[in-house]
């Protein structure tokens, strides 16, 4: 059985959520998407509120992942404990609320989702994502999920590529998030793992990573810093569609996605 799994990059604003509410259901129907993972850590610019998380689930997310802005809105803490369908990076300190991975039963198949954060130029306090992935894969083996996918929220392309090859053949797909710019390297790695270095973002098309163009330029000119202001105008939703084979648990095809 072939299963289409959709992964969408960082949601950057309420207008991006509205874009998903309008367009994601029809796209999922068109592409016969069976499972959807969305990175929501930037929905408030920095952070995600419980209300925004509920809107993303209503738009069509099966699982939400986070990243370095997990604690940007501290009212998410209890929500992370209560809702098993939202994940924060698994290699955060075990003292942090929430969970970093889960296995989700979809009837004819099950999907394990792992959320990791990179250390290179991003979060040096996090545990080693390579060792963390090994530990989680060993622990979840008892659940025998049909598919296992990884959202690696990281800055360095080298760290993402290295983890993609390290887990090649051991997970169904691994994608990078965080940089908000889609990379041109979507592929199936030699041992069968679907891969892309970065999905891109879900947010305003005319922006700098979702932020108002004028504000971003001013900051580079040395102006005073300020709270991120989301850009106006039409939005896009970027990511990848991974076709997974239940007979092997691996990937057969990767298709970049840009919903406008």
Protein backbone atom coordinates (compact mmCIF):
# COMPACT_ATOMS: atom_id res chain seq x y z
CA UNK A 1 0.00 0.00 0.00
CA UNK A 2 1.29 3.44 -0.94
CA UNK A 3 0.56 6.27 1.48
CA UNK A 4 0.97 10.00 0.78
CA UNK A 5 2.32 11.97 3.74
CA UNK A 6 2.41 15.78 3.57
CA UNK A 7 4.93 17.88 5.53
CA UNK A 8 4.55 21.68 5.56
CA UNK A 9 7.17 24.21 6.63
CA UNK A 10 7.06 26.78 9.40
CA UNK A 11 3.73 28.62 9.72
CA UNK A 12 4.58 32.29 10.29
CA UNK A 13 1.34 34.17 11.02
CA UNK A 14 -2.41 34.13 11.49
CA UNK A 15 -2.79 34.97 7.80
CA UNK A 16 -0.80 31.81 7.03
CA UNK A 17 -3.19 29.79 9.18
CA UNK A 18 -6.11 31.32 7.30
CA UNK A 19 -4.41 30.35 4.02
CA UNK A 20 -4.26 26.74 5.20
CA UNK A 21 -7.88 26.80 6.33
CA UNK A 22 -8.87 27.89 2.81
CA UNK A 23 -6.61 25.71 0.67
CA UNK A 24 -5.27 22.70 2.57
CA UNK A 25 -8.46 20.55 2.60
CA UNK A 26 -8.83 20.68 -1.19
CA UNK A 27 -5.11 20.02 -1.72
CA UNK A 28 -5.22 16.97 0.55
CA UNK A 29 -8.22 15.64 -1.35
CA UNK A 30 -6.53 16.27 -4.71
CA UNK A 31 -3.31 14.47 -3.70
CA UNK A 32 -4.98 11.77 -1.57
CA UNK A 33 -2.98 12.83 1.50
CA UNK A 34 -3.39 10.36 4.36
CA UNK A 35 -1.32 12.12 7.05
CA UNK A 36 -0.17 15.72 7.52
CA UNK A 37 2.62 17.13 9.70
CA UNK A 38 2.92 20.93 10.05
CA UNK A 39 5.64 22.90 11.83
CA UNK A 40 3.81 25.62 13.78
CA UNK A 41 6.51 27.20 15.92
CA UNK A 42 6.35 30.65 14.27
CA UNK A 43 2.57 31.08 14.08
CA UNK A 44 2.82 34.05 16.48
CA UNK A 45 6.07 35.27 14.95
CA UNK A 46 7.90 33.61 17.81
CA UNK A 47 5.89 30.83 19.36
CA UNK A 48 2.48 29.20 19.06
CA UNK A 49 -0.62 29.66 21.20
CA UNK A 50 -3.06 26.86 22.04
CA UNK A 51 -5.75 28.68 20.05
CA UNK A 52 -3.51 28.78 16.97
CA UNK A 53 -2.68 25.11 17.41
CA UNK A 54 -6.39 24.26 17.42
CA UNK A 55 -6.83 26.27 14.21
CA UNK A 56 -4.01 24.33 12.55
CA UNK A 57 -5.61 21.04 13.55
CA UNK A 58 -8.91 22.29 12.13
CA UNK A 59 -7.11 23.21 8.89
CA UNK A 60 -5.93 19.62 8.46
CA UNK A 61 -2.83 18.97 10.57
CA UNK A 62 -2.61 15.52 12.13
CA UNK A 63 0.54 16.38 14.11
CA UNK A 64 2.20 19.72 14.90
CA UNK A 65 5.95 20.07 15.43
CA UNK A 66 7.91 22.90 17.02
CA UNK A 67 11.50 24.16 17.27
CA UNK A 68 13.68 26.87 18.81
CA UNK A 69 10.65 29.14 19.41
CA UNK A 70 8.75 26.44 21.32
CA UNK A 71 8.66 28.64 24.44
CA UNK A 72 7.90 31.89 22.59
CA UNK A 73 4.38 31.77 24.02
CA UNK A 74 4.58 30.26 27.49
CA UNK A 75 0.85 29.51 27.65
CA UNK A 76 1.65 26.52 25.40
CA UNK A 77 3.20 24.65 28.34
CA UNK A 78 0.06 22.95 29.67
CA UNK A 79 -1.18 22.34 26.13
CA UNK A 80 2.01 20.40 25.34
CA UNK A 81 1.31 18.13 28.29
CA UNK A 82 -2.37 17.62 27.46
CA UNK A 83 -2.27 17.13 23.68
CA UNK A 84 -0.19 14.22 22.40
CA UNK A 85 -0.55 15.44 18.80
CA UNK A 86 1.80 18.39 19.31
CA UNK A 87 5.53 17.75 19.69
CA UNK A 88 8.48 19.82 20.88
CA UNK A 89 12.08 18.77 20.09
CA UNK A 90 12.85 15.43 21.74
CA UNK A 91 16.42 16.46 22.53
CA UNK A 92 15.32 19.34 24.77
CA UNK A 93 15.99 18.75 28.46
CA UNK A 94 13.75 16.04 29.95
CA UNK A 95 12.74 18.70 32.50
CA UNK A 96 10.77 20.48 29.75
CA UNK A 97 7.02 19.88 29.48
CA UNK A 98 5.59 17.94 26.57
CA UNK A 99 6.93 15.10 24.44
CA UNK A 100 9.28 14.84 21.47
CA UNK A 101 7.82 11.90 19.61
CA UNK A 102 4.66 9.87 19.26
CA UNK A 103 3.14 6.94 17.40
CA UNK A 104 -0.24 7.58 15.77
CA UNK A 105 -2.66 4.86 14.68
CA UNK A 106 -4.39 5.64 11.38
CA UNK A 107 -6.29 2.38 10.97
CA UNK A 108 -4.57 0.59 8.08
CA UNK A 109 -1.17 2.01 9.07
CA UNK A 110 0.59 3.85 11.87
CA UNK A 111 3.00 6.79 11.76
CA UNK A 112 5.73 7.59 14.26
CA UNK A 113 6.73 11.28 14.25
CA UNK A 114 9.99 12.46 15.82
CA UNK A 115 10.81 16.14 16.39
CA UNK A 116 14.50 17.06 16.83
CA UNK A 117 16.43 20.32 17.04
CA UNK A 118 19.92 20.99 15.71
CA UNK A 119 22.81 22.20 17.84
CA UNK A 120 25.05 23.75 15.19
CA UNK A 121 24.35 27.54 15.20
CA UNK A 122 20.97 26.99 16.86
CA UNK A 123 20.65 25.33 20.28
CA UNK A 124 23.94 24.22 21.82
CA UNK A 125 22.12 23.26 25.06
CA UNK A 126 20.14 20.52 23.34
CA UNK A 127 21.24 16.89 23.56
CA UNK A 128 22.92 15.22 20.60
CA UNK A 129 20.18 14.73 17.96
CA UNK A 130 21.97 11.71 16.47
CA UNK A 131 22.12 9.83 19.77
CA UNK A 132 18.60 10.97 20.65
CA UNK A 133 17.30 9.53 17.37
CA UNK A 134 19.04 6.21 18.08
CA UNK A 135 17.46 6.02 21.54
CA UNK A 136 13.96 6.87 20.28
CA UNK A 137 14.10 4.36 17.43
CA UNK A 138 15.13 1.65 19.87
CA UNK A 139 12.37 2.61 22.30
CA UNK A 140 9.61 2.77 19.69
CA UNK A 141 10.57 -0.57 18.09
CA UNK A 142 8.07 -2.30 20.38
CA UNK A 143 5.26 -0.26 18.75
CA UNK A 144 6.31 -1.43 15.28
CA UNK A 145 5.03 1.67 13.42
CA UNK A 146 4.46 1.28 9.69
CA UNK A 147 6.27 4.55 8.99
CA UNK A 148 8.67 6.76 10.92
CA UNK A 149 9.25 10.40 9.95
CA UNK A 150 11.51 13.09 11.40
CA UNK A 151 11.19 16.89 11.49
CA UNK A 152 14.75 18.13 12.10
CA UNK A 153 14.52 21.80 13.06
CA UNK A 154 18.07 22.96 12.39
CA UNK A 155 20.08 25.83 10.98
CA UNK A 156 23.15 24.19 9.44
CA UNK A 157 22.57 22.39 6.15
CA UNK A 158 25.54 20.13 6.94
CA UNK A 159 23.91 18.94 10.18
CA UNK A 160 20.64 18.21 8.37
CA UNK A 161 22.37 16.33 5.54
CA UNK A 162 24.47 14.32 7.97
CA UNK A 163 21.44 13.22 10.00
CA UNK A 164 19.59 12.39 6.80
CA UNK A 165 22.34 9.98 5.77
CA UNK A 166 22.80 8.71 9.34
CA UNK A 167 19.15 7.63 9.48
CA UNK A 168 18.91 6.56 5.84
CA UNK A 169 17.03 3.26 5.63
CA UNK A 170 16.00 3.48 9.30
CA UNK A 171 13.24 6.10 8.89
CA UNK A 172 10.71 6.65 6.13
CA UNK A 173 11.40 10.36 5.65
CA UNK A 174 13.40 13.18 7.19
CA UNK A 175 12.91 16.85 6.41
CA UNK A 176 14.50 20.03 7.67
CA UNK A 177 12.69 23.10 8.96
CA UNK A 178 13.76 26.48 10.41
CA UNK A 179 15.36 28.45 7.54
CA UNK A 180 12.02 29.19 5.80
CA UNK A 181 13.62 28.84 2.34
CA UNK A 182 12.93 25.62 0.40
CA UNK A 183 15.98 23.74 -0.84
CA UNK A 184 16.29 22.09 -4.25
CA UNK A 185 17.50 18.70 -3.01
CA UNK A 186 14.27 16.73 -2.49
CA UNK A 187 15.17 13.10 -3.12
CA UNK A 188 15.02 9.51 -1.95
CA UNK A 189 18.34 8.69 -0.29
CA UNK A 190 20.24 5.51 -1.33
CA UNK A 191 18.72 3.28 1.35
CA UNK A 192 15.16 4.50 0.87
CA UNK A 193 14.62 7.50 3.16
CA UNK A 194 12.80 10.49 1.66
CA UNK A 195 14.76 13.68 2.28
CA UNK A 196 14.84 17.47 1.84
CA UNK A 197 17.15 19.90 3.66
CA UNK A 198 14.41 22.49 4.22
CA UNK A 199 10.69 22.53 3.45
CA UNK A 200 10.36 26.31 3.26
CA UNK A 201 7.59 28.20 5.03
CA UNK A 202 3.87 28.83 5.16
CA UNK A 203 3.35 32.58 5.14
CA UNK A 204 3.26 35.82 3.12
CA UNK A 205 4.88 35.57 -0.31
CA UNK A 206 6.21 39.16 -0.34
CA UNK A 207 8.18 39.06 2.91
CA UNK A 208 11.55 38.27 4.43
CA UNK A 209 10.94 34.85 6.02
CA UNK A 210 7.41 35.99 6.83
CA UNK A 211 8.44 39.34 8.32
CA UNK A 212 7.53 42.75 6.83
CA UNK A 213 10.15 43.61 4.21
CA UNK A 214 10.67 47.15 5.52
CA UNK A 215 11.22 45.95 9.08
CA UNK A 216 13.77 43.36 8.01
CA UNK A 217 15.71 45.84 5.87
CA UNK A 218 15.74 48.37 8.71
CA UNK A 219 17.19 45.80 11.11
CA UNK A 220 20.03 45.05 8.66
CA UNK A 221 20.67 48.80 8.32
CA UNK A 222 21.22 48.96 12.08
CA UNK A 223 17.81 50.20 13.17
CA UNK A 224 16.27 49.50 16.55
CA UNK A 225 15.09 45.92 17.07
CA UNK A 226 11.41 45.29 17.58
CA UNK A 227 8.74 42.64 17.76
CA UNK A 228 8.39 40.74 14.49
CA UNK A 229 5.65 42.21 12.30
CA UNK A 230 4.03 39.78 9.91
CA UNK A 231 3.90 40.89 6.29
CA UNK A 232 0.58 41.46 4.52
CA UNK A 233 -0.64 40.05 1.24
CA UNK A 234 -1.16 36.64 -0.37
CA UNK A 235 0.40 33.59 1.28
CA UNK A 236 2.04 30.35 0.18
CA UNK A 237 2.32 26.95 1.84
CA UNK A 238 5.59 25.15 1.12
CA UNK A 239 6.63 21.62 1.95
CA UNK A 240 6.96 18.14 0.48
CA UNK A 241 4.71 15.22 -0.36
CA UNK A 242 6.33 11.90 0.53
CA UNK A 243 4.99 8.69 -1.01
CA UNK A 244 5.63 5.85 1.44
CA UNK A 245 5.36 2.09 0.89
CA UNK A 246 3.82 0.09 3.74
CA UNK A 247 5.55 -3.10 2.53
CA UNK A 248 9.00 -1.66 3.28
CA UNK A 249 8.28 1.35 5.48
CA UNK A 250 10.43 3.43 3.11
CA UNK A 251 9.90 6.19 0.58
CA UNK A 252 9.32 5.79 -3.15
CA UNK A 253 8.97 9.43 -4.24
CA UNK A 254 9.33 13.01 -2.96
CA UNK A 255 7.43 15.92 -4.52
CA UNK A 256 8.06 19.56 -3.46
CA UNK A 257 4.86 21.44 -2.62
CA UNK A 258 4.03 25.14 -3.08
CA UNK A 259 0.34 25.92 -2.52
CA UNK A 260 -0.61 29.44 -3.58
